[in-house]
Amino acid sequence: MEATFRALSEHGYSELRMRDIGEELDVSRSLIHYHYDSKHDLISAFLEYIVEQYEGSVDVTEETDPWSELDRRIDQCLFGPEFDDGFGHWERMRVYHELFSQAQHDERHQEIFNRHYERIRGSITQVIERGIEEEMFRTVNADEIAQLITDIIHVARERKISLGQDDAPEQARRAIDTFVLASLVNPEFVVTSMKSSN
């Protein structure tokens, strides 16, 4: 999978050949074909691999309060986790978004991306719903707020990757804080918390 990532980074999706991946691995093309019938099958497996890396790496515990968890999930999507293999978040996102741009022509890749977005949105929805239950957040439509946050994140990543607007993720984070998360604040919870601390 990492060899596929390196080959995609160098050649791009449209120019990628199985031979390029084999050269990254220093193995024959026939050995790769033993495991994957086609370039398409390998790219689909790679896409699922990179999606799993992001979905499983948010560090939360049962003690993490809804505000902190929501912050971590947003930061994870915008700024990414740390990787030890020399390829950072934005190198991975460039490959991810290149495959995303091709998904309109590929039903299998559409399914993978749709599942990924549903899980991201679903995880944010669950945090918001928990915040509502614990009366930290106002009563809102958690699905719609989660969808809005997810859309802002995706557009910010596209602005940085495709348009070279390097400050887009930071701008998006500030906008989410100011216009979205601020709207979740439950004034009654704030008042109660201030009273209990006094």
N, C-alpha and C. Protein backbone atom coordinates (compact mmCIF):
# COMPACT_ATOMS: atom_id res chain seq x y z
N MET A 1 0.83 -1.20 0.00
CA MET A 1 0.00 0.00 0.00
C MET A 1 0.87 1.27 0.00
N GLU A 2 1.95 1.24 0.80
CA GLU A 2 2.83 2.41 0.83
C GLU A 2 3.56 2.58 -0.50
N ALA A 3 3.90 1.48 -1.15
CA ALA A 3 4.53 1.56 -2.48
C ALA A 3 3.55 2.15 -3.49
N THR A 4 2.29 1.80 -3.38
CA THR A 4 1.27 2.37 -4.25
C THR A 4 1.15 3.86 -4.01
N PHE A 5 1.21 4.25 -2.74
CA PHE A 5 1.16 5.68 -2.41
C PHE A 5 2.32 6.43 -3.04
N ARG A 6 3.52 5.88 -2.92
CA ARG A 6 4.70 6.55 -3.49
C ARG A 6 4.59 6.66 -5.00
N ALA A 7 4.12 5.60 -5.64
CA ALA A 7 3.98 5.61 -7.10
C ALA A 7 2.90 6.61 -7.54
N LEU A 8 1.79 6.65 -6.82
CA LEU A 8 0.73 7.61 -7.14
C LEU A 8 1.23 9.04 -6.96
N SER A 9 2.01 9.28 -5.91
CA SER A 9 2.53 10.62 -5.65
C SER A 9 3.44 11.08 -6.80
N GLU A 10 4.19 10.14 -7.34
CA GLU A 10 5.14 10.49 -8.39
C GLU A 10 4.50 10.60 -9.76
N HIS A 11 3.59 9.67 -10.08
CA HIS A 11 3.08 9.57 -11.45
C HIS A 11 1.65 10.09 -11.63
N GLY A 12 0.88 10.17 -10.54
CA GLY A 12 -0.53 10.54 -10.68
C GLY A 12 -1.36 9.35 -11.11
N TYR A 13 -2.67 9.45 -10.90
CA TYR A 13 -3.55 8.31 -11.15
C TYR A 13 -3.60 7.94 -12.63
N SER A 14 -3.76 8.92 -13.50
CA SER A 14 -3.97 8.61 -14.92
C SER A 14 -2.73 8.00 -15.57
N GLU A 15 -1.53 8.36 -15.08
CA GLU A 15 -0.30 7.86 -15.68
C GLU A 15 0.26 6.62 -14.96
N LEU A 16 -0.36 6.24 -13.86
CA LEU A 16 0.17 5.14 -13.05
C LEU A 16 0.06 3.81 -13.77
N ARG A 17 1.16 3.01 -13.72
CA ARG A 17 1.17 1.65 -14.26
C ARG A 17 1.54 0.69 -13.14
N MET A 18 1.13 -0.55 -13.29
CA MET A 18 1.49 -1.57 -12.31
C MET A 18 3.02 -1.67 -12.20
N ARG A 19 3.69 -1.46 -13.32
CA ARG A 19 5.15 -1.51 -13.34
C ARG A 19 5.75 -0.47 -12.38
N ASP A 20 5.13 0.71 -12.31
CA ASP A 20 5.63 1.76 -11.42
C ASP A 20 5.55 1.31 -9.96
N ILE A 21 4.47 0.65 -9.61
CA ILE A 21 4.31 0.16 -8.24
C ILE A 21 5.32 -0.95 -7.97
N GLY A 22 5.52 -1.82 -8.96
CA GLY A 22 6.51 -2.89 -8.83
C GLY A 22 7.91 -2.34 -8.61
N GLU A 23 8.24 -1.25 -9.27
CA GLU A 23 9.57 -0.64 -9.10
C GLU A 23 9.74 -0.08 -7.69
N GLU A 24 8.65 0.45 -7.13
CA GLU A 24 8.71 0.95 -5.75
C GLU A 24 8.95 -0.20 -4.77
N LEU A 25 8.42 -1.36 -5.11
CA LEU A 25 8.55 -2.53 -4.24
C LEU A 25 9.76 -3.38 -4.58
N ASP A 26 10.33 -3.12 -5.75
CA ASP A 26 11.41 -3.96 -6.28
C ASP A 26 10.94 -5.41 -6.47
N VAL A 27 9.73 -5.54 -7.01
CA VAL A 27 9.19 -6.87 -7.35
C VAL A 27 8.64 -6.81 -8.76
N SER A 28 8.33 -7.96 -9.31
CA SER A 28 7.83 -8.02 -10.68
C SER A 28 6.35 -7.66 -10.73
N ARG A 29 5.93 -7.21 -11.92
CA ARG A 29 4.53 -6.88 -12.13
C ARG A 29 3.65 -8.12 -11.96
N SER A 30 4.18 -9.28 -12.35
CA SER A 30 3.40 -10.51 -12.25
C SER A 30 3.09 -10.87 -10.80
N LEU A 31 4.01 -10.53 -9.89
CA LEU A 31 3.77 -10.80 -8.47
C LEU A 31 2.64 -9.93 -7.94
N ILE A 32 2.58 -8.68 -8.38
CA ILE A 32 1.48 -7.80 -7.96
C ILE A 32 0.16 -8.34 -8.53
N HIS A 33 0.19 -8.78 -9.80
CA HIS A 33 -1.03 -9.32 -10.42
C HIS A 33 -1.50 -10.61 -9.74
N TYR A 34 -0.59 -11.27 -9.05
CA TYR A 34 -0.99 -12.47 -8.31
C TYR A 34 -1.97 -12.10 -7.20
N HIS A 35 -1.77 -10.91 -6.62
CA HIS A 35 -2.63 -10.47 -5.51
C HIS A 35 -3.79 -9.59 -5.98
N TYR A 36 -3.59 -8.86 -7.07
CA TYR A 36 -4.62 -7.94 -7.57
C TYR A 36 -4.80 -8.15 -9.06
N ASP A 37 -6.05 -8.30 -9.48
CA ASP A 37 -6.33 -8.59 -10.89
C ASP A 37 -5.98 -7.44 -11.82
N SER A 38 -6.09 -6.21 -11.31
CA SER A 38 -5.87 -5.06 -12.18
C SER A 38 -5.41 -3.86 -11.34
N LYS A 39 -4.99 -2.83 -12.05
CA LYS A 39 -4.63 -1.58 -11.38
C LYS A 39 -5.83 -1.05 -10.60
N HIS A 40 -7.00 -1.18 -11.16
CA HIS A 40 -8.21 -0.70 -10.51
C HIS A 40 -8.43 -1.39 -9.17
N ASP A 41 -8.24 -2.72 -9.12
CA ASP A 41 -8.41 -3.46 -7.87
C ASP A 41 -7.40 -3.01 -6.82
N LEU A 42 -6.17 -2.78 -7.25
CA LEU A 42 -5.13 -2.35 -6.33
C LEU A 42 -5.42 -0.94 -5.81
N ILE A 43 -5.86 -0.04 -6.67
CA ILE A 43 -6.16 1.33 -6.25
C ILE A 43 -7.35 1.32 -5.28
N SER A 44 -8.33 0.46 -5.52
CA SER A 44 -9.47 0.36 -4.61
C SER A 44 -9.01 -0.10 -3.23
N ALA A 45 -8.13 -1.10 -3.20
CA ALA A 45 -7.59 -1.58 -1.92
C ALA A 45 -6.78 -0.49 -1.24
N PHE A 46 -6.02 0.27 -2.03
CA PHE A 46 -5.22 1.36 -1.48
C PHE A 46 -6.12 2.43 -0.87
N LEU A 47 -7.20 2.76 -1.56
CA LEU A 47 -8.12 3.78 -1.09
C LEU A 47 -8.73 3.37 0.25
N GLU A 48 -9.11 2.10 0.36
CA GLU A 48 -9.66 1.62 1.63
C GLU A 48 -8.60 1.67 2.73
N TYR A 49 -7.35 1.40 2.37
CA TYR A 49 -6.25 1.44 3.33
C TYR A 49 -6.04 2.85 3.88
N ILE A 50 -6.00 3.83 3.00
CA ILE A 50 -5.74 5.20 3.45
C ILE A 50 -6.91 5.76 4.23
N VAL A 51 -8.13 5.36 3.87
CA VAL A 51 -9.32 5.78 4.60
C VAL A 51 -9.27 5.21 6.03
N GLU A 52 -8.89 3.95 6.17
CA GLU A 52 -8.81 3.33 7.49
C GLU A 52 -7.79 4.03 8.38
N GLN A 53 -6.70 4.51 7.80
CA GLN A 53 -5.69 5.21 8.58
C GLN A 53 -6.27 6.45 9.25
N TYR A 54 -7.16 7.13 8.56
CA TYR A 54 -7.73 8.35 9.11
C TYR A 54 -8.88 8.06 10.06
N GLU A 55 -9.65 7.05 9.76
CA GLU A 55 -10.82 6.78 10.59
C GLU A 55 -10.45 6.23 11.96
N GLY A 56 -9.31 5.56 12.06
CA GLY A 56 -8.97 4.90 13.31
C GLY A 56 -7.99 5.63 14.18
N SER A 57 -7.68 6.89 13.87
CA SER A 57 -6.57 7.52 14.57
C SER A 57 -6.94 8.71 15.45
N VAL A 58 -8.23 8.91 15.73
CA VAL A 58 -8.62 9.98 16.66
C VAL A 58 -8.52 9.43 18.08
N ASP A 59 -7.74 10.10 18.91
CA ASP A 59 -7.45 9.62 20.25
C ASP A 59 -8.46 10.19 21.25
N VAL A 60 -9.46 9.38 21.59
CA VAL A 60 -10.46 9.80 22.59
C VAL A 60 -10.69 8.64 23.56
N THR A 61 -11.14 8.98 24.75
CA THR A 61 -11.48 7.98 25.76
C THR A 61 -12.90 8.26 26.25
N GLU A 62 -13.39 7.40 27.13
CA GLU A 62 -14.73 7.61 27.68
C GLU A 62 -14.81 8.89 28.49
N GLU A 63 -13.66 9.34 29.01
CA GLU A 63 -13.65 10.55 29.83
C GLU A 63 -13.59 11.83 28.99
N THR A 64 -13.34 11.70 27.67
CA THR A 64 -13.24 12.89 26.82
C THR A 64 -14.60 13.56 26.70
N ASP A 65 -14.68 14.84 27.05
CA ASP A 65 -15.97 15.53 26.98
C ASP A 65 -16.30 15.86 25.52
N PRO A 66 -17.57 16.12 25.22
CA PRO A 66 -17.98 16.36 23.82
C PRO A 66 -17.24 17.51 23.14
N TRP A 67 -16.96 18.61 23.86
CA TRP A 67 -16.24 19.72 23.24
C TRP A 67 -14.86 19.28 22.78
N SER A 68 -14.14 18.59 23.67
CA SER A 68 -12.78 18.16 23.35
C SER A 68 -12.77 17.17 22.20
N GLU A 69 -13.73 16.23 22.22
CA GLU A 69 -13.77 15.23 21.15
C GLU A 69 -14.09 15.88 19.81
N LEU A 70 -15.03 16.81 19.82
CA LEU A 70 -15.38 17.50 18.58
C LEU A 70 -14.18 18.27 18.03
N ASP A 71 -13.46 18.95 18.92
CA ASP A 71 -12.24 19.66 18.51
C ASP A 71 -11.24 18.71 17.87
N ARG A 72 -11.01 17.57 18.50
CA ARG A 72 -10.01 16.61 17.99
C ARG A 72 -10.42 16.05 16.64
N ARG A 73 -11.71 15.76 16.48
CA ARG A 73 -12.16 15.20 15.20
C ARG A 73 -12.05 16.23 14.07
N ILE A 74 -12.36 17.47 14.35
CA ILE A 74 -12.24 18.52 13.34
C ILE A 74 -10.77 18.74 12.98
N ASP A 75 -9.92 18.84 13.99
CA ASP A 75 -8.49 19.03 13.74
C ASP A 75 -7.90 17.85 12.97
N GLN A 76 -8.34 16.64 13.30
CA GLN A 76 -7.85 15.45 12.60
C GLN A 76 -8.16 15.54 11.11
N CYS A 77 -9.39 15.93 10.78
CA CYS A 77 -9.78 16.01 9.38
C CYS A 77 -9.07 17.15 8.65
N LEU A 78 -8.86 18.27 9.34
CA LEU A 78 -8.24 19.43 8.69
C LEU A 78 -6.72 19.34 8.63
N PHE A 79 -6.12 18.86 9.70
CA PHE A 79 -4.66 18.93 9.81
C PHE A 79 -3.99 17.55 9.85
N GLY A 80 -4.78 16.50 10.06
CA GLY A 80 -4.28 15.14 9.96
C GLY A 80 -3.50 14.65 11.15
N PRO A 81 -3.35 13.31 11.24
CA PRO A 81 -2.49 12.71 12.26
C PRO A 81 -1.03 12.77 11.84
N GLU A 82 -0.15 12.38 12.73
CA GLU A 82 1.27 12.28 12.41
C GLU A 82 1.56 10.91 11.81
N PHE A 83 2.42 10.87 10.80
CA PHE A 83 2.83 9.61 10.19
C PHE A 83 4.34 9.47 10.29
N ASP A 84 4.81 8.24 10.43
CA ASP A 84 6.24 7.99 10.66
C ASP A 84 7.01 7.56 9.41
N ASP A 85 6.35 7.55 8.25
CA ASP A 85 6.99 6.97 7.06
C ASP A 85 7.53 8.02 6.09
N GLY A 86 7.60 9.27 6.52
CA GLY A 86 8.15 10.30 5.65
C GLY A 86 7.12 11.01 4.79
N PHE A 87 5.89 10.50 4.76
CA PHE A 87 4.82 11.15 3.99
C PHE A 87 3.82 11.74 4.97
N GLY A 88 3.66 13.04 4.91
CA GLY A 88 2.78 13.71 5.85
C GLY A 88 1.32 13.73 5.40
N HIS A 89 0.53 14.40 6.22
CA HIS A 89 -0.90 14.49 5.97
C HIS A 89 -1.22 15.06 4.59
N TRP A 90 -0.54 16.15 4.19
CA TRP A 90 -0.91 16.80 2.94
C TRP A 90 -0.44 16.02 1.72
N GLU A 91 0.66 15.30 1.83
CA GLU A 91 1.04 14.40 0.72
C GLU A 91 -0.04 13.35 0.52
N ARG A 92 -0.54 12.81 1.62
CA ARG A 92 -1.60 11.81 1.54
C ARG A 92 -2.90 12.42 1.01
N MET A 93 -3.20 13.63 1.46
CA MET A 93 -4.43 14.27 1.01
C MET A 93 -4.40 14.58 -0.49
N ARG A 94 -3.22 14.90 -1.03
CA ARG A 94 -3.13 15.17 -2.47
C ARG A 94 -3.52 13.93 -3.27
N VAL A 95 -3.01 12.79 -2.84
CA VAL A 95 -3.37 11.53 -3.50
C VAL A 95 -4.84 11.22 -3.29
N TYR A 96 -5.31 11.38 -2.06
CA TYR A 96 -6.71 11.13 -1.72
C TYR A 96 -7.64 11.96 -2.59
N HIS A 97 -7.36 13.26 -2.72
CA HIS A 97 -8.24 14.14 -3.47
C HIS A 97 -8.12 13.92 -4.98
N GLU A 98 -6.97 13.45 -5.44
CA GLU A 98 -6.89 13.10 -6.85
C GLU A 98 -7.80 11.92 -7.16
N LEU A 99 -7.79 10.92 -6.28
CA LEU A 99 -8.69 9.77 -6.47
C LEU A 99 -10.14 10.21 -6.31
N PHE A 100 -10.40 11.14 -5.39
CA PHE A 100 -11.75 11.65 -5.19
C PHE A 100 -12.27 12.31 -6.47
N SER A 101 -11.40 13.06 -7.14
CA SER A 101 -11.82 13.76 -8.37
C SER A 101 -12.16 12.79 -9.50
N GLN A 102 -11.63 11.56 -9.42
CA GLN A 102 -11.90 10.55 -10.44
C GLN A 102 -13.11 9.67 -10.09
N ALA A 103 -13.64 9.83 -8.88
CA ALA A 103 -14.67 8.91 -8.40
C ALA A 103 -15.96 8.99 -9.20
N GLN A 104 -16.20 10.11 -9.86
CA GLN A 104 -17.43 10.23 -10.65
C GLN A 104 -17.48 9.20 -11.77
N HIS A 105 -16.32 8.66 -12.14
CA HIS A 105 -16.26 7.68 -13.22
C HIS A 105 -16.14 6.24 -12.69
N ASP A 106 -16.22 6.07 -11.38
CA ASP A 106 -15.93 4.77 -10.80
C ASP A 106 -16.88 4.48 -9.63
N GLU A 107 -17.82 3.57 -9.85
CA GLU A 107 -18.83 3.28 -8.83
C GLU A 107 -18.22 2.70 -7.55
N ARG A 108 -17.21 1.84 -7.70
CA ARG A 108 -16.60 1.24 -6.52
C ARG A 108 -15.92 2.29 -5.65
N HIS A 109 -15.22 3.22 -6.29
CA HIS A 109 -14.57 4.28 -5.54
C HIS A 109 -15.61 5.23 -4.93
N GLN A 110 -16.70 5.46 -5.63
CA GLN A 110 -17.78 6.26 -5.06
C GLN A 110 -18.29 5.63 -3.78
N GLU A 111 -18.46 4.31 -3.79
CA GLU A 111 -18.95 3.60 -2.61
C GLU A 111 -17.98 3.76 -1.44
N ILE A 112 -16.67 3.64 -1.71
CA ILE A 112 -15.66 3.78 -0.65
C ILE A 112 -15.69 5.19 -0.07
N PHE A 113 -15.71 6.20 -0.95
CA PHE A 113 -15.75 7.58 -0.48
C PHE A 113 -17.04 7.88 0.27
N ASN A 114 -18.16 7.38 -0.23
CA ASN A 114 -19.43 7.62 0.45
C ASN A 114 -19.44 7.00 1.84
N ARG A 115 -18.93 5.78 1.97
CA ARG A 115 -18.85 5.13 3.28
C ARG A 115 -17.96 5.95 4.21
N HIS A 116 -16.84 6.43 3.67
CA HIS A 116 -15.92 7.22 4.48
C HIS A 116 -16.58 8.50 4.97
N TYR A 117 -17.25 9.22 4.08
CA TYR A 117 -17.90 10.46 4.49
C TYR A 117 -19.05 10.20 5.45
N GLU A 118 -19.76 9.11 5.26
CA GLU A 118 -20.83 8.78 6.19
C GLU A 118 -20.28 8.50 7.58
N ARG A 119 -19.11 7.83 7.64
CA ARG A 119 -18.52 7.54 8.95
C ARG A 119 -17.98 8.80 9.61
N ILE A 120 -17.34 9.68 8.81
CA ILE A 120 -16.86 10.94 9.38
C ILE A 120 -18.04 11.77 9.90
N ARG A 121 -19.03 11.95 9.04
CA ARG A 121 -20.20 12.73 9.44
C ARG A 121 -20.90 12.06 10.62
N GLY A 122 -21.00 10.73 10.57
CA GLY A 122 -21.67 10.00 11.65
C GLY A 122 -20.95 10.16 12.98
N SER A 123 -19.61 10.16 12.95
CA SER A 123 -18.86 10.30 14.20
C SER A 123 -19.06 11.70 14.79
N ILE A 124 -19.12 12.71 13.92
CA ILE A 124 -19.36 14.08 14.39
C ILE A 124 -20.79 14.21 14.90
N THR A 125 -21.73 13.60 14.20
CA THR A 125 -23.13 13.61 14.65
C THR A 125 -23.26 13.01 16.04
N GLN A 126 -22.59 11.88 16.27
CA GLN A 126 -22.67 11.22 17.57
C GLN A 126 -22.14 12.10 18.69
N VAL A 127 -21.04 12.81 18.41
CA VAL A 127 -20.47 13.69 19.44
C VAL A 127 -21.44 14.83 19.75
N ILE A 128 -22.02 15.40 18.71
CA ILE A 128 -22.97 16.50 18.92
C ILE A 128 -24.19 16.01 19.71
N GLU A 129 -24.68 14.83 19.34
CA GLU A 129 -25.84 14.27 20.05
C GLU A 129 -25.52 14.03 21.52
N ARG A 130 -24.29 13.56 21.79
CA ARG A 130 -23.89 13.35 23.19
C ARG A 130 -23.82 14.69 23.92
N GLY A 131 -23.29 15.71 23.23
CA GLY A 131 -23.24 17.04 23.85
C GLY A 131 -24.62 17.58 24.17
N ILE A 132 -25.59 17.28 23.29
CA ILE A 132 -26.98 17.70 23.54
C ILE A 132 -27.55 16.95 24.74
N GLU A 133 -27.31 15.64 24.78
CA GLU A 133 -27.82 14.82 25.89
C GLU A 133 -27.25 15.29 27.22
N GLU A 134 -25.97 15.69 27.22
CA GLU A 134 -25.33 16.15 28.44
C GLU A 134 -25.58 17.63 28.70
N GLU A 135 -26.40 18.24 27.84
CA GLU A 135 -26.82 19.63 27.95
C GLU A 135 -25.66 20.62 27.86
N MET A 136 -24.55 20.18 27.26
CA MET A 136 -23.44 21.09 26.97
C MET A 136 -23.75 21.88 25.70
N PHE A 137 -24.47 21.24 24.75
CA PHE A 137 -24.82 21.87 23.48
C PHE A 137 -26.31 22.19 23.47
N ARG A 138 -26.66 23.22 22.71
CA ARG A 138 -28.07 23.51 22.46
C ARG A 138 -28.69 22.37 21.67
N THR A 139 -30.00 22.29 21.68
CA THR A 139 -30.71 21.31 20.86
C THR A 139 -30.68 21.79 19.41
N VAL A 140 -30.01 21.05 18.56
CA VAL A 140 -29.88 21.39 17.14
C VAL A 140 -30.08 20.12 16.33
N ASN A 141 -30.15 20.27 15.01
CA ASN A 141 -30.18 19.12 14.12
C ASN A 141 -28.73 18.64 13.96
N ALA A 142 -28.36 17.62 14.69
CA ALA A 142 -26.97 17.16 14.73
C ALA A 142 -26.48 16.71 13.35
N ASP A 143 -27.35 16.06 12.57
CA ASP A 143 -26.96 15.59 11.23
C ASP A 143 -26.59 16.76 10.33
N GLU A 144 -27.39 17.82 10.37
CA GLU A 144 -27.13 18.97 9.49
C GLU A 144 -25.88 19.72 9.91
N ILE A 145 -25.66 19.87 11.20
CA ILE A 145 -24.44 20.54 11.67
C ILE A 145 -23.22 19.72 11.28
N ALA A 146 -23.30 18.40 11.45
CA ALA A 146 -22.18 17.52 11.10
C ALA A 146 -21.90 17.58 9.60
N GLN A 147 -22.96 17.63 8.79
CA GLN A 147 -22.78 17.74 7.34
C GLN A 147 -22.10 19.06 6.97
N LEU A 148 -22.51 20.14 7.61
CA LEU A 148 -21.91 21.45 7.35
C LEU A 148 -20.42 21.43 7.70
N ILE A 149 -20.08 20.89 8.85
CA ILE A 149 -18.67 20.82 9.27
C ILE A 149 -17.87 20.00 8.27
N THR A 150 -18.41 18.85 7.87
CA THR A 150 -17.73 17.98 6.91
C THR A 150 -17.51 18.68 5.57
N ASP A 151 -18.52 19.41 5.11
CA ASP A 151 -18.40 20.12 3.83
C ASP A 151 -17.34 21.23 3.91
N ILE A 152 -17.33 21.96 5.01
CA ILE A 152 -16.33 23.03 5.18
C ILE A 152 -14.92 22.44 5.13
N ILE A 153 -14.73 21.34 5.83
CA ILE A 153 -13.42 20.68 5.86
C ILE A 153 -12.99 20.26 4.46
N HIS A 154 -13.90 19.64 3.72
CA HIS A 154 -13.57 19.15 2.39
C HIS A 154 -13.19 20.29 1.45
N VAL A 155 -13.96 21.37 1.46
CA VAL A 155 -13.68 22.51 0.59
C VAL A 155 -12.34 23.16 0.97
N ALA A 156 -12.07 23.25 2.27
CA ALA A 156 -10.79 23.85 2.70
C ALA A 156 -9.61 23.03 2.22
N ARG A 157 -9.73 21.71 2.28
CA ARG A 157 -8.64 20.85 1.79
C ARG A 157 -8.47 21.03 0.28
N GLU A 158 -9.57 21.12 -0.45
CA GLU A 158 -9.49 21.32 -1.89
C GLU A 158 -8.84 22.66 -2.24
N ARG A 159 -9.18 23.70 -1.47
CA ARG A 159 -8.58 25.02 -1.73
C ARG A 159 -7.07 24.96 -1.55
N LYS A 160 -6.62 24.27 -0.53
CA LYS A 160 -5.18 24.18 -0.29
C LYS A 160 -4.50 23.34 -1.37
N ILE A 161 -5.09 22.19 -1.68
CA ILE A 161 -4.44 21.24 -2.60
C ILE A 161 -4.53 21.72 -4.04
N SER A 162 -5.71 22.10 -4.48
CA SER A 162 -5.92 22.41 -5.90
C SER A 162 -5.59 23.86 -6.26
N LEU A 163 -5.80 24.78 -5.31
CA LEU A 163 -5.62 26.20 -5.60
C LEU A 163 -4.39 26.80 -4.94
N GLY A 164 -3.69 26.01 -4.12
CA GLY A 164 -2.49 26.51 -3.48
C GLY A 164 -2.74 27.52 -2.38
N GLN A 165 -3.95 27.55 -1.84
CA GLN A 165 -4.29 28.49 -0.76
C GLN A 165 -3.92 27.85 0.57
N ASP A 166 -2.66 28.03 0.97
CA ASP A 166 -2.12 27.30 2.11
C ASP A 166 -2.78 27.62 3.43
N ASP A 167 -3.39 28.79 3.54
CA ASP A 167 -4.01 29.14 4.82
C ASP A 167 -5.48 28.70 4.90
N ALA A 168 -5.97 28.00 3.88
CA ALA A 168 -7.38 27.58 3.86
C ALA A 168 -7.78 26.73 5.08
N PRO A 169 -6.98 25.73 5.49
CA PRO A 169 -7.40 24.94 6.66
C PRO A 169 -7.52 25.78 7.93
N GLU A 170 -6.57 26.70 8.15
CA GLU A 170 -6.65 27.56 9.35
C GLU A 170 -7.87 28.49 9.27
N GLN A 171 -8.14 29.02 8.07
CA GLN A 171 -9.33 29.87 7.90
C GLN A 171 -10.60 29.07 8.18
N ALA A 172 -10.65 27.84 7.68
CA ALA A 172 -11.82 26.99 7.90
C ALA A 172 -12.01 26.69 9.38
N ARG A 173 -10.89 26.43 10.06
CA ARG A 173 -10.97 26.13 11.49
C ARG A 173 -11.53 27.32 12.26
N ARG A 174 -11.07 28.53 11.92
CA ARG A 174 -11.58 29.73 12.60
C ARG A 174 -13.07 29.93 12.30
N ALA A 175 -13.47 29.69 11.06
CA ALA A 175 -14.88 29.85 10.68
C ALA A 175 -15.76 28.84 11.40
N ILE A 176 -15.29 27.60 11.51
CA ILE A 176 -16.05 26.58 12.23
C ILE A 176 -16.21 26.98 13.69
N ASP A 177 -15.12 27.47 14.29
CA ASP A 177 -15.19 27.91 15.69
C ASP A 177 -16.17 29.06 15.87
N THR A 178 -16.07 30.05 14.98
CA THR A 178 -16.83 31.29 15.15
C THR A 178 -18.30 31.14 14.80
N PHE A 179 -18.59 30.43 13.72
CA PHE A 179 -19.96 30.41 13.21
C PHE A 179 -20.71 29.10 13.46
N VAL A 180 -20.00 28.02 13.67
CA VAL A 180 -20.67 26.73 13.86
C VAL A 180 -20.62 26.31 15.32
N LEU A 181 -19.41 26.15 15.86
CA LEU A 181 -19.31 25.68 17.23
C LEU A 181 -19.88 26.69 18.23
N ALA A 182 -19.72 27.97 17.94
CA ALA A 182 -20.29 28.99 18.84
C ALA A 182 -21.81 28.86 18.92
N SER A 183 -22.42 28.40 17.83
CA SER A 183 -23.88 28.25 17.82
C SER A 183 -24.34 27.05 18.64
N LEU A 184 -23.40 26.17 19.00
CA LEU A 184 -23.76 24.99 19.80
C LEU A 184 -23.80 25.28 21.29
N VAL A 185 -23.19 26.40 21.71
CA VAL A 185 -23.08 26.68 23.14
C VAL A 185 -24.46 26.78 23.78
N ASN A 186 -24.65 26.01 24.85
CA ASN A 186 -25.88 26.07 25.62
C ASN A 186 -25.68 27.06 26.76
N PRO A 187 -26.30 28.25 26.71
CA PRO A 187 -26.08 29.27 27.74
C PRO A 187 -26.40 28.77 29.14
N GLU A 188 -27.42 27.90 29.25
CA GLU A 188 -27.81 27.39 30.56
C GLU A 188 -26.70 26.53 31.15
N PHE A 189 -26.01 25.75 30.29
CA PHE A 189 -24.91 24.91 30.78
C PHE A 189 -23.76 25.79 31.25
N VAL A 190 -23.47 26.86 30.50
CA VAL A 190 -22.40 27.77 30.87
C VAL A 190 -22.68 28.40 32.22
N VAL A 191 -23.92 28.87 32.42
CA VAL A 191 -24.31 29.50 33.68
C VAL A 191 -24.19 28.50 34.82
N THR A 192 -24.70 27.30 34.62
CA THR A 192 -24.63 26.25 35.64
C THR A 192 -23.19 25.92 36.00
N SER A 193 -22.34 25.82 34.97
CA SER A 193 -20.92 25.50 35.20
C SER A 193 -20.24 26.61 35.98
N MET A 194 -20.57 27.86 35.66
CA MET A 194 -19.95 28.99 36.39
C MET A 194 -20.40 28.99 37.85
N LYS A 195 -21.68 28.69 38.08
CA LYS A 195 -22.17 28.65 39.45
C LYS A 195 -21.51 27.55 40.26
N SER A 196 -21.37 26.37 39.64
CA SER A 196 -20.79 25.23 40.35
C SER A 196 -19.32 25.46 40.65
N SER A 197 -18.64 26.25 39.81
CA SER A 197 -17.21 26.50 40.03
C SER A 197 -17.00 27.57 41.11
N ASN A 198 -18.04 28.36 41.36
CA ASN A 198 -17.94 29.40 42.39
C ASN A 198 -18.32 28.82 43.71
